[in-house]
C-alpha atoms as a PDB file:
ATOM      1  CA  MET A   1    -119.596-130.959 -29.592  1.00  0.00           C
ATOM      2  CA  ASN A   2    -123.172-132.180 -29.707  1.00  0.00           C
ATOM      3  CA  ALA A   3    -124.739-135.605 -29.207  1.00  0.00           C
ATOM      4  CA  ALA A   4    -124.213-136.481 -32.879  1.00  0.00           C
ATOM      5  CA  THR A   5    -120.441-135.927 -32.933  1.00  0.00           C
ATOM      6  CA  PRO A   6    -117.829-137.801 -30.922  1.00  0.00           C
ATOM      7  CA  ASP A   7    -116.097-136.216 -27.975  1.00  0.00           C
ATOM      8  CA  ILE A   8    -112.473-136.000 -29.127  1.00  0.00           C
ATOM      9  CA  ASP A   9    -109.813-135.636 -26.466  1.00  0.00           C
ATOM     10  CA  ALA A  10    -106.027-136.051 -26.309  1.00  0.00           C
ATOM     11  CA  PHE A  11    -106.353-139.827 -25.866  1.00  0.00           C
ATOM     12  CA  THR A  12    -108.721-140.456 -28.800  1.00  0.00           C
ATOM     13  CA  ARG A  13    -107.160-137.849 -31.119  1.00  0.00           C
ATOM     14  CA  PRO A  14    -104.935-140.469 -32.912  1.00  0.00           C
ATOM     15  CA  TYR A  15    -108.042-142.530 -33.754  1.00  0.00           C
ATOM     16  CA  TRP A  16    -109.905-139.570 -35.254  1.00  0.00           C
ATOM     17  CA  ASP A  17    -106.829-138.201 -37.038  1.00  0.00           C
ATOM     18  CA  ALA A  18    -106.279-141.628 -38.636  1.00  0.00           C
ATOM     19  CA  ALA A  19    -109.948-141.810 -39.682  1.00  0.00           C
ATOM     20  CA  ALA A  20    -109.564-138.428 -41.395  1.00  0.00           C
ATOM     21  CA  GLU A  21    -106.721-140.018 -43.398  1.00  0.00           C
ATOM     22  CA  GLY A  22    -108.807-143.089 -44.309  1.00  0.00           C
ATOM     23  CA  LEU A  23    -107.329-145.465 -41.727  1.00  0.00           C
ATOM     24  CA  LEU A  24    -109.117-147.496 -39.049  1.00  0.00           C
ATOM     25  CA  LEU A  25    -107.188-147.955 -35.808  1.00  0.00           C
ATOM     26  CA  LEU A  26    -107.611-150.496 -33.025  1.00  0.00           C
ATOM     27  CA  ARG A  27    -106.009-150.784 -29.621  1.00  0.00           C
ATOM     28  CA  ARG A  28    -103.982-153.926 -28.879  1.00  0.00           C
ATOM     29  CA  CYS A  29    -102.864-155.060 -25.445  1.00  0.00           C
ATOM     30  CA  ARG A  30     -99.150-155.795 -25.239  1.00  0.00           C
ATOM     31  CA  ALA A  31     -99.691-157.983 -22.154  1.00  0.00           C
ATOM     32  CA  CYS A  32    -102.355-160.427 -23.419  1.00  0.00           C
ATOM     33  CA  THR A  33    -102.068-159.498 -27.156  1.00  0.00           C
ATOM     34  CA  ARG A  34    -105.837-159.104 -27.635  1.00  0.00           C
ATOM     35  CA  PRO A  35    -107.184-156.245 -29.778  1.00  0.00           C
ATOM     36  CA  HIS A  36    -110.177-154.190 -28.709  1.00  0.00           C
ATOM     37  CA  HIS A  37    -112.489-151.523 -30.000  1.00  0.00           C
ATOM     38  CA  TYR A  38    -113.706-148.853 -28.918  1.00  0.00           C
ATOM     39  CA  PRO A  39    -110.424-147.164 -27.911  1.00  0.00           C
ATOM     40  CA  ARG A  40    -109.700-147.419 -24.188  1.00  0.00           C
ATOM     41  CA  GLU A  41    -106.642-146.590 -22.122  1.00  0.00           C
ATOM     42  CA  PHE A  42    -106.600-150.111 -20.643  1.00  0.00           C
ATOM     43  CA  CYS A  43    -107.246-153.648 -21.866  1.00  0.00           C
ATOM     44  CA  PRO A  44    -110.859-154.717 -21.192  1.00  0.00           C
ATOM     45  CA  TYR A  45    -109.701-158.351 -20.937  1.00  0.00           C
ATOM     46  CA  CYS A  46    -106.710-158.289 -18.563  1.00  0.00           C
ATOM     47  CA  TRP A  47    -106.885-154.656 -17.356  1.00  0.00           C
ATOM     48  CA  SER A  48    -103.315-153.933 -18.416  1.00  0.00           C
ATOM     49  CA  GLU A  49    -102.523-150.323 -19.235  1.00  0.00           C
ATOM     50  CA  ASP A  50     -99.832-151.493 -21.697  1.00  0.00           C
ATOM     51  CA  VAL A  51    -101.876-150.967 -24.850  1.00  0.00           C
ATOM     52  CA  GLY A  52    -101.032-149.325 -28.156  1.00  0.00           C
ATOM     53  CA  TRP A  53    -102.559-148.281 -31.458  1.00  0.00           C
ATOM     54  CA  GLU A  54    -102.397-150.454 -34.569  1.00  0.00           C
ATOM     55  CA  ARG A  55    -103.840-150.183 -38.048  1.00  0.00           C
ATOM     56  CA  ALA A  56    -106.803-152.472 -38.743  1.00  0.00           C
ATOM     57  CA  SER A  57    -107.221-154.205 -42.094  1.00  0.00           C
ATOM     58  CA  GLY A  58    -110.601-152.558 -42.677  1.00  0.00           C
ATOM     59  CA  ARG A  59    -112.256-155.923 -43.374  1.00  0.00           C
ATOM     60  CA  ALA A  60    -115.325-157.037 -41.431  1.00  0.00           C
ATOM     61  CA  THR A  61    -118.370-159.296 -41.541  1.00  0.00           C
ATOM     62  CA  LEU A  62    -121.907-158.243 -40.748  1.00  0.00           C
ATOM     63  CA  TYR A  63    -123.029-159.569 -37.357  1.00  0.00           C
ATOM     64  CA  THR A  64    -126.434-157.878 -37.097  1.00  0.00           C
ATOM     65  CA  TRP A  65    -128.272-154.761 -38.293  1.00  0.00           C
ATOM     66  CA  SER A  66    -131.410-152.698 -38.007  1.00  0.00           C
ATOM     67  CA  VAL A  67    -132.875-150.350 -40.589  1.00  0.00           C
ATOM     68  CA  ILE A  68    -133.646-147.047 -38.897  1.00  0.00           C
ATOM     69  CA  HIS A  69    -136.656-145.288 -40.390  1.00  0.00           C
ATOM     70  CA  ARG A  70    -137.010-142.489 -37.838  1.00  0.00           C
ATOM     71  CA  ASN A  71    -134.437-140.558 -35.847  1.00  0.00           C
ATOM     72  CA  ASP A  72    -135.132-137.034 -34.669  1.00  0.00           C
ATOM     73  CA  LEU A  73    -131.538-136.284 -33.617  1.00  0.00           C
ATOM     74  CA  PRO A  74    -129.450-134.198 -36.012  1.00  0.00           C
ATOM     75  CA  PRO A  75    -127.857-135.185 -38.341  1.00  0.00           C
ATOM     76  CA  PHE A  76    -129.485-138.621 -38.402  1.00  0.00           C
ATOM     77  CA  GLY A  77    -132.953-137.414 -39.369  1.00  0.00           C
ATOM     78  CA  ASP A  78    -131.599-136.284 -42.734  1.00  0.00           C
ATOM     79  CA  ARG A  79    -130.218-139.790 -43.430  1.00  0.00           C
ATOM     80  CA  VAL A  80    -133.241-142.015 -42.791  1.00  0.00           C
ATOM     81  CA  PRO A  81    -133.597-144.729 -43.655  1.00  0.00           C
ATOM     82  CA  TYR A  82    -130.097-145.931 -42.715  1.00  0.00           C
ATOM     83  CA  VAL A  83    -128.603-149.217 -41.567  1.00  0.00           C
ATOM     84  CA  ALA A  84    -127.263-149.262 -38.003  1.00  0.00           C
ATOM     85  CA  ALA A  85    -125.073-152.326 -37.664  1.00  0.00           C
ATOM     86  CA  VAL A  86    -122.678-154.347 -35.564  1.00  0.00           C
ATOM     87  CA  VAL A  87    -119.741-155.832 -37.460  1.00  0.00           C
ATOM     88  CA  ASP A  88    -117.032-158.311 -36.530  1.00  0.00           C
ATOM     89  CA  LEU A  89    -113.698-156.825 -37.533  1.00  0.00           C
ATOM     90  CA  ALA A  90    -111.230-159.257 -39.143  1.00  0.00           C
ATOM     91  CA  GLU A  91    -108.925-158.692 -36.150  1.00  0.00           C
ATOM     92  CA  GLY A  92    -111.629-159.913 -33.749  1.00  0.00           C
ATOM     93  CA  PRO A  93    -113.367-156.986 -32.028  1.00  0.00           C
ATOM     94  CA  ARG A  94    -116.990-156.120 -32.622  1.00  0.00           C
ATOM     95  CA  MET A  95    -117.856-152.575 -33.660  1.00  0.00           C
ATOM     96  CA  MET A  96    -121.046-150.535 -33.888  1.00  0.00           C
ATOM     97  CA  THR A  97    -121.234-148.716 -37.220  1.00  0.00           C
ATOM     98  CA  GLU A  98    -123.392-148.000 -40.232  1.00  0.00           C
ATOM     99  CA  VAL A  99    -123.623-150.001 -43.465  1.00  0.00           C
ATOM    100  CA  VAL A 100    -123.659-147.778 -46.554  1.00  0.00           C
ATOM    101  CA  ASP A 101    -124.036-148.297 -50.308  1.00  0.00           C
ATOM    102  CA  CYS A 102    -125.991-151.520 -49.889  1.00  0.00           C
ATOM    103  CA  ALA A 103    -129.652-152.241 -50.591  1.00  0.00           C
ATOM    104  CA  GLU A 104    -131.578-153.473 -47.564  1.00  0.00           C
ATOM    105  CA  SER A 105    -132.527-156.617 -49.505  1.00  0.00           C
ATOM    106  CA  ALA A 106    -128.831-157.443 -50.015  1.00  0.00           C
ATOM    107  CA  LEU A 107    -127.956-157.439 -46.309  1.00  0.00           C
ATOM    108  CA  ALA A 108    -127.057-160.843 -44.904  1.00  0.00           C
ATOM    109  CA  ILE A 109    -125.457-162.005 -41.682  1.00  0.00           C
ATOM    110  CA  GLY A 110    -121.855-162.922 -42.424  1.00  0.00           C
ATOM    111  CA  MET A 111    -121.573-160.752 -45.560  1.00  0.00           C
ATOM    112  CA  ALA A 112    -118.137-159.290 -46.229  1.00  0.00           C
ATOM    113  CA  LEU A 113    -117.747-155.570 -45.600  1.00  0.00           C
ATOM    114  CA  THR A 114    -114.944-153.058 -46.035  1.00  0.00           C
ATOM    115  CA  VAL A 115    -114.404-149.838 -44.145  1.00  0.00           C
ATOM    116  CA  THR A 116    -114.988-146.491 -45.785  1.00  0.00           C
ATOM    117  CA  PHE A 117    -115.249-143.097 -44.172  1.00  0.00           C
ATOM    118  CA  ARG A 118    -117.880-140.368 -43.899  1.00  0.00           C
ATOM    119  CA  ARG A 119    -116.930-136.760 -43.285  1.00  0.00           C
ATOM    120  CA  CYS A 120    -119.353-135.237 -40.801  1.00  0.00           C
ATOM    121  CA  GLY A 121    -119.849-131.800 -39.383  1.00  0.00           C
ATOM    122  CA  ALA A 122    -117.275-130.177 -37.127  1.00  0.00           C
ATOM    123  CA  GLY A 123    -114.456-131.679 -39.217  1.00  0.00           C
ATOM    124  CA  VAL A 124    -114.988-135.217 -37.880  1.00  0.00           C
ATOM    125  CA  THR A 125    -114.586-138.320 -40.083  1.00  0.00           C
ATOM    126  CA  VAL A 126    -116.264-141.558 -38.955  1.00  0.00           C
ATOM    127  CA  PRO A 127    -115.717-145.130 -40.131  1.00  0.00           C
ATOM    128  CA  VAL A 128    -118.681-146.800 -41.851  1.00  0.00           C
ATOM    129  CA  PHE A 129    -118.774-150.043 -43.844  1.00  0.00           C
ATOM    130  CA  GLY A 130    -119.904-151.055 -47.302  1.00  0.00           C
ATOM    131  CA  PRO A 131    -120.014-154.298 -49.302  1.00  0.00           C
ATOM    132  CA  GLY A 132    -116.690-155.722 -50.219  1.00  0.00           C
END
């Protein structure tokens, strides 16, 4: 893998396999019941290792964004300008992502977004968000 593709291992494989099928997964702690993202083997709130995968709704709101006009790392240079963003998932966790299919002038904090997926090189599919 290179810097532009995620490092997929046995632990994160369910997340990436689900993304390839058009599903966004979260981890939820069975001890304190809080969801979290990015996938970890333990709860970042109570440190319990009793966590499992669950399907997210795919709904989010835009928390903040930046329009990237220059990025020399492949494959990002071919996509400029693009919108790097942080979204609040409906289930609670915050997630770094990209906003797609939305004019820069239409971006607004709190706007409703819905997950969609981009197929990248090396057979990897990543979640991104668009208006909705």
